[in-house]
Amino acid sequence: QVQLVESGGGLVQAGGSLRLSCVVSGSTFSINAMGWYRRAPGMQRELVADITVGDSTSYADSVKGRFTISRDNAKNTVYLQMSRLKPEDTAVYYCKVVGVLSSTLVRNYWGQGTQVTVSS
């Protein structure tokens, strides 16, 4: 059974940093894109950053220049380095991976989420 386990969330003061990790286990397929999403209270889930298998990255405008996504394919792990955090970054952060099950079938897998709280 595929599991995505996130870690690294917590409480931090504005201006501080956190590093999120998401480890994928139990997969028997190759992993294509990996990404981080977040959901703030009362808001819809939004894409924060994603990274392709070729290491191309994209970011939400609100985090550009502050967050960095990276991946370690040997460890089936995706990271999100968050710097200069702001109170508006407070949210539950979820990782998502795109699994390639066959030449015609891909599936999204989600982690359970990790809380990030930034105090002012």
C-alpha atoms as a PDB file:
ATOM      1  CA  GLN A   1       0.000   0.000   0.000  1.00  0.00           C
ATOM      2  CA  VAL A   2       1.343   3.393  -0.968  1.00  0.00           C
ATOM      3  CA  GLN A   3       1.955   5.786   1.890  1.00  0.00           C
ATOM      4  CA  LEU A   4       3.075   9.396   1.867  1.00  0.00           C
ATOM      5  CA  VAL A   5       4.342  10.584   5.213  1.00  0.00           C
ATOM      6  CA  GLU A   6       4.995  14.271   5.743  1.00  0.00           C
ATOM      7  CA  SER A   7       7.088  15.723   8.521  1.00  0.00           C
ATOM      8  CA  GLY A   8       8.710  18.978   9.523  1.00  0.00           C
ATOM      9  CA  GLY A   9       5.696  21.119  10.263  1.00  0.00           C
ATOM     10  CA  GLY A  10       5.304  23.102  13.450  1.00  0.00           C
ATOM     11  CA  LEU A  11       5.059  26.530  15.013  1.00  0.00           C
ATOM     12  CA  VAL A  12       7.521  29.214  13.965  1.00  0.00           C
ATOM     13  CA  GLN A  13       7.757  32.970  14.300  1.00  0.00           C
ATOM     14  CA  ALA A  14       7.392  35.211  11.291  1.00  0.00           C
ATOM     15  CA  GLY A  15      10.672  35.445   9.442  1.00  0.00           C
ATOM     16  CA  GLY A  16      11.678  31.951  10.467  1.00  0.00           C
ATOM     17  CA  SER A  17      12.235  28.809   8.440  1.00  0.00           C
ATOM     18  CA  LEU A  18      10.953  25.266   8.258  1.00  0.00           C
ATOM     19  CA  ARG A  19      11.779  22.307   6.058  1.00  0.00           C
ATOM     20  CA  LEU A  20       9.031  19.877   5.140  1.00  0.00           C
ATOM     21  CA  SER A  21       9.736  16.337   3.986  1.00  0.00           C
ATOM     22  CA  CYS A  22       7.483  13.790   2.351  1.00  0.00           C
ATOM     23  CA  VAL A  23       8.592  10.174   2.022  1.00  0.00           C
ATOM     24  CA  VAL A  24       6.793   7.835  -0.356  1.00  0.00           C
ATOM     25  CA  SER A  25       6.784   4.171   0.591  1.00  0.00           C
ATOM     26  CA  GLY A  26       5.170   1.035  -0.748  1.00  0.00           C
ATOM     27  CA  SER A  27       5.159   2.163  -4.356  1.00  0.00           C
ATOM     28  CA  THR A  28       5.688  -0.339  -7.131  1.00  0.00           C
ATOM     29  CA  PHE A  29       5.492   2.280  -9.852  1.00  0.00           C
ATOM     30  CA  SER A  30       7.634   5.163 -10.995  1.00  0.00           C
ATOM     31  CA  ILE A  31       6.931   8.604  -9.650  1.00  0.00           C
ATOM     32  CA  ASN A  32       6.481  11.474 -12.025  1.00  0.00           C
ATOM     33  CA  ALA A  33       5.760  14.947 -10.663  1.00  0.00           C
ATOM     34  CA  MET A  34       5.856  15.694  -6.944  1.00  0.00           C
ATOM     35  CA  GLY A  35       4.376  18.715  -5.274  1.00  0.00           C
ATOM     36  CA  TRP A  36       3.253  20.559  -2.182  1.00  0.00           C
ATOM     37  CA  TYR A  37      -0.184  22.037  -1.638  1.00  0.00           C
ATOM     38  CA  ARG A  38      -1.681  23.870   1.297  1.00  0.00           C
ATOM     39  CA  ARG A  39      -5.074  24.641   2.739  1.00  0.00           C
ATOM     40  CA  ALA A  40      -5.533  27.576   5.045  1.00  0.00           C
ATOM     41  CA  PRO A  41      -8.596  27.776   7.315  1.00  0.00           C
ATOM     42  CA  GLY A  42     -11.674  28.649   5.290  1.00  0.00           C
ATOM     43  CA  MET A  43      -9.731  28.543   2.029  1.00  0.00           C
ATOM     44  CA  GLN A  44      -9.467  26.139  -0.849  1.00  0.00           C
ATOM     45  CA  ARG A  45      -6.423  23.966  -1.276  1.00  0.00           C
ATOM     46  CA  GLU A  46      -3.816  25.648  -3.444  1.00  0.00           C
ATOM     47  CA  LEU A  47      -0.650  24.587  -5.183  1.00  0.00           C
ATOM     48  CA  VAL A  48       2.473  25.848  -3.447  1.00  0.00           C
ATOM     49  CA  ALA A  49       5.188  24.289  -5.601  1.00  0.00           C
ATOM     50  CA  ASP A  50       5.816  21.317  -7.793  1.00  0.00           C
ATOM     51  CA  ILE A  51       8.773  19.598  -9.401  1.00  0.00           C
ATOM     52  CA  THR A  52       8.911  17.335 -12.413  1.00  0.00           C
ATOM     53  CA  VAL A  53      10.943  14.188 -12.807  1.00  0.00           C
ATOM     54  CA  GLY A  54      13.400  16.341 -14.755  1.00  0.00           C
ATOM     55  CA  ASP A  55      13.673  18.775 -11.839  1.00  0.00           C
ATOM     56  CA  SER A  56      11.740  21.600 -13.458  1.00  0.00           C
ATOM     57  CA  THR A  57      10.013  23.597 -10.748  1.00  0.00           C
ATOM     58  CA  SER A  58       7.114  25.984 -10.475  1.00  0.00           C
ATOM     59  CA  TYR A  59       5.879  28.087  -7.571  1.00  0.00           C
ATOM     60  CA  ALA A  60       2.853  30.026  -6.488  1.00  0.00           C
ATOM     61  CA  ASP A  61       3.514  33.744  -6.802  1.00  0.00           C
ATOM     62  CA  SER A  62       3.020  34.168  -3.066  1.00  0.00           C
ATOM     63  CA  VAL A  63       6.012  31.968  -2.230  1.00  0.00           C
ATOM     64  CA  LYS A  64       8.443  32.711  -5.039  1.00  0.00           C
ATOM     65  CA  GLY A  65      11.846  33.641  -3.704  1.00  0.00           C
ATOM     66  CA  ARG A  66      11.036  32.279  -0.236  1.00  0.00           C
ATOM     67  CA  PHE A  67      10.291  28.578  -0.775  1.00  0.00           C
ATOM     68  CA  THR A  68      12.369  25.965  -2.570  1.00  0.00           C
ATOM     69  CA  ILE A  69      11.145  22.545  -3.638  1.00  0.00           C
ATOM     70  CA  SER A  70      13.532  19.683  -4.264  1.00  0.00           C
ATOM     71  CA  ARG A  71      13.433  15.915  -4.565  1.00  0.00           C
ATOM     72  CA  ASP A  72      15.636  12.921  -3.938  1.00  0.00           C
ATOM     73  CA  ASN A  73      14.545  10.189  -6.313  1.00  0.00           C
ATOM     74  CA  ALA A  74      16.723   7.560  -4.665  1.00  0.00           C
ATOM     75  CA  LYS A  75      14.863   8.165  -1.407  1.00  0.00           C
ATOM     76  CA  ASN A  76      11.419   8.750  -2.955  1.00  0.00           C
ATOM     77  CA  THR A  77      11.333  12.003  -1.021  1.00  0.00           C
ATOM     78  CA  VAL A  78      10.257  15.532  -1.803  1.00  0.00           C
ATOM     79  CA  TYR A  79      11.242  18.529   0.302  1.00  0.00           C
ATOM     80  CA  LEU A  80       9.967  22.040   0.763  1.00  0.00           C
ATOM     81  CA  GLN A  81      12.388  24.517   2.267  1.00  0.00           C
ATOM     82  CA  MET A  82      10.398  27.475   3.565  1.00  0.00           C
ATOM     83  CA  SER A  83      12.163  30.681   4.511  1.00  0.00           C
ATOM     84  CA  ARG A  84      11.055  34.151   5.555  1.00  0.00           C
ATOM     85  CA  LEU A  85       7.754  32.687   6.654  1.00  0.00           C
ATOM     86  CA  LYS A  86       4.754  34.941   7.039  1.00  0.00           C
ATOM     87  CA  PRO A  87       1.576  34.522   9.103  1.00  0.00           C
ATOM     88  CA  GLU A  88      -0.345  34.076   5.848  1.00  0.00           C
ATOM     89  CA  ASP A  89       1.685  30.912   5.194  1.00  0.00           C
ATOM     90  CA  THR A  90      -0.186  29.268   8.064  1.00  0.00           C
ATOM     91  CA  ALA A  91      -1.956  26.207   6.667  1.00  0.00           C
ATOM     92  CA  VAL A  92      -1.994  22.448   6.503  1.00  0.00           C
ATOM     93  CA  TYR A  93       0.580  21.410   3.928  1.00  0.00           C
ATOM     94  CA  TYR A  94       0.049  18.301   1.823  1.00  0.00           C
ATOM     95  CA  CYS A  95       2.398  16.533  -0.511  1.00  0.00           C
ATOM     96  CA  LYS A  96       1.201  14.937  -3.685  1.00  0.00           C
ATOM     97  CA  VAL A  97       2.923  12.599  -6.097  1.00  0.00           C
ATOM     98  CA  VAL A  98       1.871  11.456  -9.526  1.00  0.00           C
ATOM     99  CA  GLY A  99       2.397   7.736  -9.894  1.00  0.00           C
ATOM    100  CA  VAL A 100       2.824   6.228 -13.341  1.00  0.00           C
ATOM    101  CA  LEU A 101       1.020   2.908 -13.091  1.00  0.00           C
ATOM    102  CA  SER A 102       1.221   2.072 -16.794  1.00  0.00           C
ATOM    103  CA  SER A 103       1.796   3.720 -20.145  1.00  0.00           C
ATOM    104  CA  THR A 104      -1.781   4.965 -20.042  1.00  0.00           C
ATOM    105  CA  LEU A 105      -2.595   5.250 -16.344  1.00  0.00           C
ATOM    106  CA  VAL A 106      -1.417   7.770 -13.788  1.00  0.00           C
ATOM    107  CA  ARG A 107      -2.774   8.319 -10.323  1.00  0.00           C
ATOM    108  CA  ASN A 108      -2.398  11.015  -7.700  1.00  0.00           C
ATOM    109  CA  TYR A 109      -1.416  10.091  -4.177  1.00  0.00           C
ATOM    110  CA  TRP A 110      -1.718  12.433  -1.219  1.00  0.00           C
ATOM    111  CA  GLY A 111      -0.159  12.665   2.182  1.00  0.00           C
ATOM    112  CA  GLN A 112      -2.141  13.204   5.364  1.00  0.00           C
ATOM    113  CA  GLY A 113      -0.932  16.767   5.832  1.00  0.00           C
ATOM    114  CA  THR A 114       1.297  18.582   8.287  1.00  0.00           C
ATOM    115  CA  GLN A 115       0.361  21.769  10.117  1.00  0.00           C
ATOM    116  CA  VAL A 116       2.483  24.870   9.677  1.00  0.00           C
ATOM    117  CA  THR A 117       1.675  27.798  11.949  1.00  0.00           C
ATOM    118  CA  VAL A 118       3.482  31.114  11.647  1.00  0.00           C
ATOM    119  CA  SER A 119       3.016  33.549  14.517  1.00  0.00           C
ATOM    120  CA  SER A 120       3.334  37.294  14.074  1.00  0.00           C
END
